[in-house]
């Protein structure tokens, strides 16, 4: 048995997941525990040891581990017997079994208990490191696949955009997100549908120290009331089978509960306990799992009215309403319409392989005068639909259409041309032009000064 790995080996040799892993070693032999700690301690984020199964169970009650390395032959009971017991009470970590005896009965029992891999004694350092690395790679690949399927099924790809615009309203939101990013505080995003609440939440996650960890968005209104607790918290079935919930999949990262006002009352109560204790109890589990997670919430509903009507728990409302970020409607940030329209036009014409439409002065004027009840989402949908059909709807149509050089003009030039056209239509009256454009008079003065007008 080699007590130390070769000095030239690094964490990269066994994959990046090893460096972020937490591992629990359960073995009654001091020599084996010391060897495993020396082998894994320098490469893993956190390594704990237990001399007995009972001690291991106590440690599992205190924190969650990515992986358990378990000796099979120990005093009192075998590692596999203990593992089956732990699966019934709620053990969600993957497990590597180390044993000197790998007969068929042991192998079958291990598979039923959910053992990830066998390592036969005696073994060298590189053997256990390779086994741990493989187990972690499978674990994180399975999590990524699960979260990707969840996001695709929820239509989340469309929300992976940027927080666009330079209006004072959206700049204020950006400044607030910058202040909130370093803190672990829960944030409640409010605002009408289509204002970009999920995009703002993703932006906050990207600015935080959790940016490399998962961001999981859950639309509470899209999951049936009888399934949402299982989807969020996970479930242990018949003592062996398990399903990790979205909260556990997001562990270490950020969870956004969108349409939080739609949560059923029993899930509201369970969520309140999670927020207070930072622990979850999967359905059917006897053990609570410690959780390292930042919670974000979003709603277009009036939560105070829901509390007064008895549809939403008052204690939960006060727990999630620590910081409120109100997303402005598109009507409140009309200065951004030119930029948004041009960027969406470029995005969809490129993605669809179709010619861009000309955002001439008439089109931009009509876009700026519209109220946009569906906000940025409605504008985005309008541009996509217009590119596909090859023309704007009649109520937004301008003096011309088509791609070519006009569609490739800079945003600054498009904006300047639009404002100057409106000024011409107003006979040079800047106050009237500002009114038509839905911006402040000083914005027009500042722009004209910059253009030398």
Protein backbone atom coordinates (compact mmCIF):
# COMPACT_ATOMS: atom_id res chain seq x y z
CA UNK A 1 0.00 0.00 0.00
CA UNK A 2 1.40 3.39 -1.00
CA UNK A 3 0.95 5.96 1.80
CA UNK A 4 1.39 9.00 -0.44
CA UNK A 5 0.44 9.72 -4.06
CA UNK A 6 3.23 10.53 -6.43
CA UNK A 7 4.35 14.13 -5.78
CA UNK A 8 3.84 15.22 -9.38
CA UNK A 9 0.11 14.36 -9.29
CA UNK A 10 -2.31 17.27 -8.81
CA UNK A 11 -6.05 17.68 -8.37
CA UNK A 12 -6.30 18.33 -12.10
CA UNK A 13 -5.10 14.80 -12.80
CA UNK A 14 -8.35 13.50 -11.31
CA UNK A 15 -10.74 16.21 -12.48
CA UNK A 16 -11.81 19.53 -11.03
CA UNK A 17 -14.72 18.02 -9.10
CA UNK A 18 -12.31 16.44 -6.62
CA UNK A 19 -11.15 19.83 -5.35
CA UNK A 20 -14.72 20.86 -4.43
CA UNK A 21 -15.79 17.57 -2.86
CA UNK A 22 -16.65 16.76 0.75
CA UNK A 23 -15.88 13.14 1.72
CA UNK A 24 -16.70 11.06 4.79
CA UNK A 25 -14.45 8.05 5.57
CA UNK A 26 -15.91 5.30 7.77
CA UNK A 27 -13.41 2.58 8.74
CA UNK A 28 -12.48 0.93 12.01
CA UNK A 29 -8.79 0.54 11.06
CA UNK A 30 -6.67 3.59 12.07
CA UNK A 31 -4.05 2.81 9.43
CA UNK A 32 -6.60 2.79 6.61
CA UNK A 33 -8.24 6.00 7.84
CA UNK A 34 -4.87 7.75 8.03
CA UNK A 35 -3.93 6.56 4.55
CA UNK A 36 -7.21 7.77 3.04
CA UNK A 37 -7.00 11.12 4.84
CA UNK A 38 -3.46 11.69 3.58
CA UNK A 39 -4.49 10.67 0.07
CA UNK A 40 -7.68 12.74 -0.12
CA UNK A 41 -7.10 15.52 2.40
CA UNK A 42 -4.84 17.64 0.20
CA UNK A 43 -7.07 17.21 -2.84
CA UNK A 44 -10.62 17.56 -1.49
CA UNK A 45 -12.36 20.56 -0.02
CA UNK A 46 -13.33 18.73 3.17
CA UNK A 47 -12.61 15.24 4.57
CA UNK A 48 -14.06 13.78 7.79
CA UNK A 49 -13.43 10.40 9.42
CA UNK A 50 -15.48 8.07 11.61
CA UNK A 51 -14.27 4.98 13.48
CA UNK A 52 -17.65 3.27 13.61
CA UNK A 53 -20.91 3.23 11.72
CA UNK A 54 -22.68 4.88 14.64
CA UNK A 55 -20.15 7.72 14.64
CA UNK A 56 -20.57 8.06 10.88
CA UNK A 57 -24.35 8.37 11.27
CA UNK A 58 -23.89 11.17 13.84
CA UNK A 59 -21.61 13.09 11.46
CA UNK A 60 -24.13 12.68 8.63
CA UNK A 61 -26.76 14.25 10.86
CA UNK A 62 -24.63 17.40 11.05
CA UNK A 63 -23.58 17.96 7.45
CA UNK A 64 -24.08 16.75 3.88
CA UNK A 65 -21.31 14.91 2.05
CA UNK A 66 -20.82 14.35 -1.66
CA UNK A 67 -19.29 10.92 -1.07
CA UNK A 68 -18.94 8.29 1.65
CA UNK A 69 -16.04 5.81 1.59
CA UNK A 70 -17.22 2.85 3.60
CA UNK A 71 -15.42 -0.28 4.83
CA UNK A 72 -17.64 -3.35 4.65
CA UNK A 73 -16.27 -5.52 7.46
CA UNK A 74 -16.49 -3.70 10.78
CA UNK A 75 -17.38 -4.68 14.35
CA UNK A 76 -21.09 -4.93 15.12
CA UNK A 77 -22.51 -4.80 11.59
CA UNK A 78 -21.28 -4.76 8.04
CA UNK A 79 -20.96 -1.55 6.12
CA UNK A 80 -23.67 -2.72 3.69
CA UNK A 81 -26.13 -3.39 6.53
CA UNK A 82 -25.45 0.10 7.86
CA UNK A 83 -25.80 1.59 4.37
CA UNK A 84 -29.23 0.01 3.87
CA UNK A 85 -30.35 1.46 7.22
CA UNK A 86 -29.06 4.91 6.25
CA UNK A 87 -30.80 4.82 2.88
CA UNK A 88 -34.08 4.25 4.72
CA UNK A 89 -33.58 7.20 7.09
CA UNK A 90 -32.21 9.42 4.32
CA UNK A 91 -28.64 9.14 3.00
CA UNK A 92 -28.28 11.00 -0.28
CA UNK A 93 -24.49 10.80 -0.69
CA UNK A 94 -22.87 8.46 -3.19
CA UNK A 95 -20.91 5.58 -1.64
CA UNK A 96 -17.70 3.70 -2.43
CA UNK A 97 -17.32 0.34 -0.70
CA UNK A 98 -13.84 -0.87 0.22
CA UNK A 99 -13.59 -4.58 0.94
CA UNK A 100 -11.23 -7.52 0.75
CA UNK A 101 -14.07 -9.87 -0.22
CA UNK A 102 -16.05 -9.20 -3.39
CA UNK A 103 -18.18 -12.31 -3.77
CA UNK A 104 -21.38 -12.35 -5.85
CA UNK A 105 -23.74 -12.00 -2.87
CA UNK A 106 -21.86 -8.94 -1.63
CA UNK A 107 -21.94 -7.41 -5.11
CA UNK A 108 -25.71 -7.93 -5.45
CA UNK A 109 -26.38 -6.51 -2.00
CA UNK A 110 -24.16 -3.51 -2.75
CA UNK A 111 -26.03 -2.74 -5.95
CA UNK A 112 -29.34 -2.89 -4.12
CA UNK A 113 -27.99 -0.52 -1.46
CA UNK A 114 -26.92 1.95 -4.13
CA UNK A 115 -23.13 1.55 -3.91
CA UNK A 116 -21.43 3.59 -6.61
CA UNK A 117 -18.16 1.61 -6.84
CA UNK A 118 -16.05 -1.16 -5.29
CA UNK A 119 -12.38 -0.85 -4.39
CA UNK A 120 -10.71 -4.11 -3.44
CA UNK A 121 -8.09 -4.28 -0.70
CA UNK A 122 -5.17 -3.89 -0.91
CA UNK A 123 -5.18 -0.83 -3.17
CA UNK A 124 -2.87 2.01 -4.08
CA UNK A 125 -3.50 5.73 -3.79
CA UNK A 126 -4.16 6.20 -7.49
CA UNK A 127 -6.83 3.47 -7.40
CA UNK A 128 -8.91 5.13 -4.70
CA UNK A 129 -8.37 8.57 -6.28
CA UNK A 130 -9.57 7.29 -9.65
CA UNK A 131 -12.60 5.69 -8.02
CA UNK A 132 -13.49 8.89 -6.15
CA UNK A 133 -12.98 11.01 -9.28
CA UNK A 134 -15.19 8.72 -11.37
CA UNK A 135 -17.93 8.75 -8.73
CA UNK A 136 -17.86 12.56 -8.51
CA UNK A 137 -17.83 12.98 -12.29
CA UNK A 138 -20.89 10.74 -12.60
CA UNK A 139 -22.61 12.56 -9.76
CA UNK A 140 -22.11 16.03 -11.22
CA UNK A 141 -22.85 14.92 -14.77
CA UNK A 142 -26.14 13.41 -13.55
CA UNK A 143 -26.94 16.67 -11.73
CA UNK A 144 -26.14 18.79 -14.80
CA UNK A 145 -28.31 16.58 -17.00
CA UNK A 146 -31.18 16.71 -14.52
CA UNK A 147 -31.01 20.49 -14.21
CA UNK A 148 -30.73 20.90 -17.99
CA UNK A 149 -33.83 18.74 -18.53
CA UNK A 150 -35.62 20.74 -15.83
CA UNK A 151 -34.69 24.04 -17.47
CA UNK A 152 -35.65 22.87 -20.94
CA UNK A 153 -38.99 21.54 -19.72
CA UNK A 154 -39.64 24.87 -17.98
CA UNK A 155 -38.70 26.92 -21.04
CA UNK A 156 -35.89 28.58 -19.11
CA UNK A 157 -33.54 28.91 -22.07
CA UNK A 158 -35.39 32.02 -23.21
CA UNK A 159 -34.53 33.74 -19.94
CA UNK A 160 -30.78 33.38 -20.30
CA UNK A 161 -30.38 36.87 -21.73
CA UNK A 162 -28.67 39.93 -20.35
CA UNK A 163 -30.17 42.74 -18.35
CA UNK A 164 -30.30 45.17 -21.28
CA UNK A 165 -30.74 48.93 -21.46
CA UNK A 166 -29.17 52.11 -20.07
CA UNK A 167 -32.20 53.98 -18.76
CA UNK A 168 -32.03 55.38 -15.21
CA UNK A 169 -34.63 52.79 -14.11
CA UNK A 170 -32.59 49.79 -15.26
CA UNK A 171 -29.31 51.35 -14.12
CA UNK A 172 -30.83 51.62 -10.66
CA UNK A 173 -31.66 47.90 -10.74
CA UNK A 174 -28.08 47.09 -11.79
CA UNK A 175 -26.68 49.18 -8.96
CA UNK A 176 -28.92 47.39 -6.44
CA UNK A 177 -27.86 43.96 -7.74
CA UNK A 178 -24.22 44.98 -7.37
CA UNK A 179 -24.82 45.85 -3.72
CA UNK A 180 -26.71 42.62 -3.03
CA UNK A 181 -24.33 40.26 -4.85
CA UNK A 182 -21.77 39.69 -2.01
CA UNK A 183 -24.45 39.06 0.63
CA UNK A 184 -26.25 35.73 1.22
CA UNK A 185 -29.52 37.61 1.76
CA UNK A 186 -32.73 36.39 0.15
CA UNK A 187 -34.14 38.78 -2.46
CA UNK A 188 -37.72 39.22 -3.68
CA UNK A 189 -38.11 40.38 -7.29
CA UNK A 190 -41.46 41.96 -8.07
CA UNK A 191 -42.93 43.55 -11.15
CA UNK A 192 -45.31 42.86 -14.00
CA UNK A 193 -44.97 39.81 -16.23
CA UNK A 194 -42.26 40.20 -18.85
CA UNK A 195 -40.16 42.78 -16.99
CA UNK A 196 -37.16 40.45 -16.66
CA UNK A 197 -37.35 39.21 -13.07
CA UNK A 198 -35.62 35.90 -13.86
CA UNK A 199 -32.94 37.64 -15.92
CA UNK A 200 -32.27 39.99 -12.99
CA UNK A 201 -32.06 36.97 -10.66
CA UNK A 202 -29.57 35.27 -13.00
CA UNK A 203 -27.57 38.50 -13.14
CA UNK A 204 -27.43 38.60 -9.33
CA UNK A 205 -26.26 34.98 -9.26
CA UNK A 206 -23.58 35.73 -11.86
CA UNK A 207 -22.25 38.63 -9.78
CA UNK A 208 -22.10 36.58 -6.57
CA UNK A 209 -19.45 34.21 -5.28
CA UNK A 210 -21.80 31.36 -6.22
CA UNK A 211 -21.52 32.11 -9.93
CA UNK A 212 -19.74 28.81 -10.69
CA UNK A 213 -22.40 26.83 -8.85
CA UNK A 214 -25.87 25.91 -10.17
CA UNK A 215 -28.61 28.45 -10.77
CA UNK A 216 -31.97 26.68 -10.59
CA UNK A 217 -35.19 28.47 -11.51
CA UNK A 218 -38.48 26.86 -10.48
CA UNK A 219 -41.83 28.12 -11.78
CA UNK A 220 -44.10 27.30 -8.86
CA UNK A 221 -47.20 27.79 -11.01
CA UNK A 222 -46.04 25.21 -13.56
CA UNK A 223 -45.83 22.25 -11.15
CA UNK A 224 -48.99 20.62 -9.86
CA UNK A 225 -49.80 21.07 -6.18
CA UNK A 226 -49.50 17.33 -5.46
CA UNK A 227 -46.01 17.11 -7.00
CA UNK A 228 -44.27 20.31 -6.05
CA UNK A 229 -43.14 19.21 -2.57
CA UNK A 230 -41.51 16.11 -4.05
CA UNK A 231 -39.90 18.15 -6.83
CA UNK A 232 -38.47 20.67 -4.39
CA UNK A 233 -37.48 18.58 -1.39
CA UNK A 234 -36.91 15.11 -2.88
CA UNK A 235 -38.25 11.77 -1.76
CA UNK A 236 -37.10 8.47 -0.29
CA UNK A 237 -39.18 5.55 -1.52
CA UNK A 238 -39.45 1.99 -0.12
CA UNK A 239 -36.32 2.56 1.97
CA UNK A 240 -33.91 2.41 -0.95
CA UNK A 241 -34.91 4.32 -4.04
CA UNK A 242 -34.40 8.06 -3.82
CA UNK A 243 -35.06 11.15 -5.85
CA UNK A 244 -33.00 14.22 -5.12
CA UNK A 245 -35.10 17.37 -5.04
CA UNK A 246 -34.27 20.61 -6.82
CA UNK A 247 -33.07 22.19 -3.57
CA UNK A 248 -30.44 19.50 -3.13
CA UNK A 249 -29.46 19.69 -6.82
CA UNK A 250 -28.94 23.44 -6.37
CA UNK A 251 -26.86 23.01 -3.19
CA UNK A 252 -24.00 25.49 -3.10
CA UNK A 253 -25.68 27.70 -5.69
CA UNK A 254 -28.82 29.80 -6.07
CA UNK A 255 -32.47 28.77 -6.21
CA UNK A 256 -35.12 31.07 -7.71
CA UNK A 257 -38.73 30.34 -6.80
CA UNK A 258 -40.71 32.18 -9.48
CA UNK A 259 -44.46 32.75 -9.05
CA UNK A 260 -43.91 32.08 -5.33
CA UNK A 261 -47.45 33.27 -4.59
CA UNK A 262 -48.71 30.07 -6.23
CA UNK A 263 -47.11 27.74 -3.66
CA UNK A 264 -49.64 25.48 -1.87
CA UNK A 265 -50.08 26.16 1.84
CA UNK A 266 -48.34 22.95 3.00
CA UNK A 267 -45.30 23.75 0.85
CA UNK A 268 -45.23 27.31 2.21
CA UNK A 269 -44.92 25.86 5.72
CA UNK A 270 -42.13 23.48 4.68
CA UNK A 271 -40.29 26.28 2.86
CA UNK A 272 -40.45 28.49 5.93
CA UNK A 273 -38.71 25.79 7.98
CA UNK A 274 -36.02 25.44 5.29
CA UNK A 275 -35.36 29.18 5.27
CA UNK A 276 -35.10 29.30 9.05
CA UNK A 277 -33.06 26.13 9.61
CA UNK A 278 -31.13 25.84 6.31
CA UNK A 279 -31.99 22.13 6.33
CA UNK A 280 -34.39 20.04 4.27
CA UNK A 281 -36.19 16.81 5.06
CA UNK A 282 -37.00 14.84 1.89
CA UNK A 283 -40.40 13.16 1.85
CA UNK A 284 -40.12 9.76 3.55
CA UNK A 285 -36.75 10.60 5.13
CA UNK A 286 -36.02 10.59 8.85
CA UNK A 287 -32.88 12.71 8.44
CA UNK A 288 -32.63 16.39 7.67
CA UNK A 289 -29.96 17.42 5.20
CA UNK A 290 -27.94 20.62 5.81
CA UNK A 291 -28.26 23.01 2.89
CA UNK A 292 -25.94 25.71 1.53
CA UNK A 293 -28.21 27.70 -0.75
CA UNK A 294 -29.15 31.26 -1.59
CA UNK A 295 -32.87 31.76 -2.10
CA UNK A 296 -34.34 34.25 -4.54
CA UNK A 297 -38.06 34.78 -5.09
CA UNK A 298 -40.12 36.40 -7.83
CA UNK A 299 -43.77 37.25 -8.29
CA UNK A 300 -46.04 39.50 -10.31
CA UNK A 301 -48.75 39.17 -7.66
CA UNK A 302 -49.47 41.49 -4.75
CA UNK A 303 -48.15 39.37 -1.87
CA UNK A 304 -49.46 41.75 0.79
CA UNK A 305 -52.96 41.36 -0.64
CA UNK A 306 -52.48 37.58 -0.74
CA UNK A 307 -51.47 37.64 2.94
CA UNK A 308 -54.54 39.72 3.84
CA UNK A 309 -56.73 37.30 1.88
CA UNK A 310 -55.23 34.31 3.71
CA UNK A 311 -53.68 32.80 0.56
CA UNK A 312 -50.09 33.39 1.62
CA UNK A 313 -48.50 32.95 5.02
CA UNK A 314 -47.64 36.22 6.73
CA UNK A 315 -44.55 34.75 8.43
CA UNK A 316 -43.23 33.47 5.09
CA UNK A 317 -43.88 36.83 3.44
CA UNK A 318 -41.85 38.64 6.10
CA UNK A 319 -39.10 36.01 5.78
CA UNK A 320 -38.68 36.44 2.02
CA UNK A 321 -39.34 40.18 1.83
CA UNK A 322 -35.96 41.21 3.27
CA UNK A 323 -34.91 43.09 0.14
CA UNK A 324 -37.37 43.89 -2.63
CA UNK A 325 -36.15 44.67 -6.16
CA UNK A 326 -39.01 46.15 -8.20
CA UNK A 327 -38.46 45.59 -11.93
CA UNK A 328 -39.58 48.60 -14.02
CA UNK A 329 -42.09 48.18 -16.81
CA UNK A 330 -40.96 48.88 -20.36
CA UNK A 331 -43.17 51.96 -20.34
CA UNK A 332 -41.06 53.28 -17.45
CA UNK A 333 -37.84 52.78 -19.43
CA UNK A 334 -38.85 53.87 -22.92
CA UNK A 335 -35.31 55.16 -23.54
CA UNK A 336 -34.28 51.49 -23.85
CA UNK A 337 -36.72 50.57 -26.63
CA UNK A 338 -34.34 51.54 -29.46
CA UNK A 339 -31.48 49.51 -27.99
CA UNK A 340 -33.67 46.53 -27.16
CA UNK A 341 -35.34 46.47 -30.57
CA UNK A 342 -32.01 46.67 -32.41
CA UNK A 343 -30.43 43.92 -30.30
CA UNK A 344 -33.44 41.62 -30.66
CA UNK A 345 -33.46 42.25 -34.41
CA UNK A 346 -29.79 41.31 -34.68
CA UNK A 347 -30.29 38.26 -32.47
CA UNK A 348 -33.26 36.80 -34.32
CA UNK A 349 -32.12 37.59 -37.84
CA UNK A 350 -28.82 35.83 -37.09
CA UNK A 351 -30.38 32.87 -35.28
CA UNK A 352 -33.10 32.33 -37.91
CA UNK A 353 -30.89 33.06 -40.91
CA UNK A 354 -33.41 35.60 -42.18
CA UNK A 355 -32.93 39.23 -43.27
CA UNK A 356 -33.27 41.90 -40.61
CA UNK A 357 -36.05 44.43 -40.95
CA UNK A 358 -35.28 48.13 -41.14
CA UNK A 359 -35.84 49.90 -37.84
CA UNK A 360 -36.52 53.24 -39.50
CA UNK A 361 -37.75 56.37 -37.76
CA UNK A 362 -41.42 55.52 -38.32
CA UNK A 363 -41.04 52.06 -36.78
CA UNK A 364 -39.11 53.36 -33.78
CA UNK A 365 -41.61 56.15 -33.21
CA UNK A 366 -44.51 53.68 -33.20
CA UNK A 367 -42.61 51.32 -30.91
CA UNK A 368 -41.92 54.14 -28.46
CA UNK A 369 -45.56 55.27 -28.43
CA UNK A 370 -46.95 51.81 -27.67
CA UNK A 371 -47.76 50.99 -24.02
CA UNK A 372 -46.22 47.46 -24.01
CA UNK A 373 -48.49 45.72 -21.46
CA UNK A 374 -46.36 42.59 -21.95
CA UNK A 375 -43.17 44.58 -21.35
CA UNK A 376 -39.79 43.43 -22.71
CA UNK A 377 -41.12 39.94 -23.43
CA UNK A 378 -43.80 41.41 -25.69
CA UNK A 379 -41.23 43.50 -27.58
CA UNK A 380 -38.97 40.48 -27.99
CA UNK A 381 -41.87 38.37 -29.29
CA UNK A 382 -42.91 41.13 -31.71
CA UNK A 383 -39.40 41.34 -33.21
CA UNK A 384 -39.12 37.55 -33.53
CA UNK A 385 -42.52 37.26 -35.17
CA UNK A 386 -41.78 40.14 -37.55
CA UNK A 387 -38.46 38.63 -38.65
CA UNK A 388 -40.16 35.29 -39.37
CA UNK A 389 -43.01 36.91 -41.33
CA UNK A 390 -40.71 39.36 -43.10
CA UNK A 391 -42.61 42.47 -42.05
CA UNK A 392 -43.80 44.38 -39.02
CA UNK A 393 -47.52 44.30 -38.17
CA UNK A 394 -49.42 47.15 -39.78
CA UNK A 395 -49.62 49.14 -36.55
CA UNK A 396 -45.80 49.19 -36.32
CA UNK A 397 -44.88 49.28 -40.02
CA UNK A 398 -42.49 51.97 -41.20
CA UNK A 399 -41.57 53.52 -44.51
CA UNK A 400 -39.48 50.56 -45.67
CA UNK A 401 -38.28 47.06 -44.84
CA UNK A 402 -35.42 44.74 -45.50
CA UNK A 403 -31.91 43.97 -44.38
CA UNK A 404 -28.74 45.30 -45.89
CA UNK A 405 -26.48 47.98 -44.47
CA UNK A 406 -29.30 49.81 -42.66
CA UNK A 407 -29.90 46.77 -40.42
CA UNK A 408 -26.24 46.76 -39.44
CA UNK A 409 -26.12 50.38 -38.26
CA UNK A 410 -24.81 51.04 -34.78
CA UNK A 411 -27.22 51.45 -31.92
CA UNK A 412 -25.99 55.01 -31.41
CA UNK A 413 -26.78 55.95 -35.00
CA UNK A 414 -30.20 54.29 -34.91
CA UNK A 415 -30.99 56.21 -31.73
CA UNK A 416 -29.71 59.52 -33.16
CA UNK A 417 -31.65 59.08 -36.40
CA UNK A 418 -34.83 58.28 -34.48
CA UNK A 419 -34.58 61.25 -32.13
CA UNK A 420 -33.70 63.65 -34.96
CA UNK A 421 -36.67 62.40 -37.01
CA UNK A 422 -39.01 63.01 -34.08
CA UNK A 423 -37.49 66.48 -33.57
CA UNK A 424 -38.06 67.28 -37.25
CA UNK A 425 -41.67 66.11 -36.95
CA UNK A 426 -42.09 68.45 -33.98
CA UNK A 427 -40.57 71.42 -35.79
CA UNK A 428 -37.56 71.42 -33.47
CA UNK A 429 -39.67 71.64 -30.30
CA UNK A 430 -37.60 69.64 -27.83
CA UNK A 431 -40.28 69.57 -25.13
CA UNK A 432 -42.81 68.07 -27.56
CA UNK A 433 -40.22 65.60 -28.89
CA UNK A 434 -39.46 64.50 -25.31
CA UNK A 435 -43.18 64.01 -24.68
CA UNK A 436 -43.61 61.87 -27.81
CA UNK A 437 -40.55 59.81 -27.01
CA UNK A 438 -41.59 59.37 -23.37
CA UNK A 439 -38.29 60.72 -21.99
CA UNK A 440 -37.24 63.74 -19.95
CA UNK A 441 -36.54 67.04 -21.72
CA UNK A 442 -33.02 67.05 -20.27
CA UNK A 443 -32.36 63.71 -22.01
CA UNK A 444 -33.06 65.36 -25.39
CA UNK A 445 -30.90 68.36 -24.45
CA UNK A 446 -28.03 66.11 -23.41
CA UNK A 447 -28.23 64.05 -26.62
CA UNK A 448 -28.37 67.14 -28.85
CA UNK A 449 -25.41 68.67 -27.06
CA UNK A 450 -23.40 65.47 -27.60
CA UNK A 451 -24.32 65.52 -31.32
CA UNK A 452 -23.54 69.20 -31.70
CA UNK A 453 -27.11 70.11 -32.62
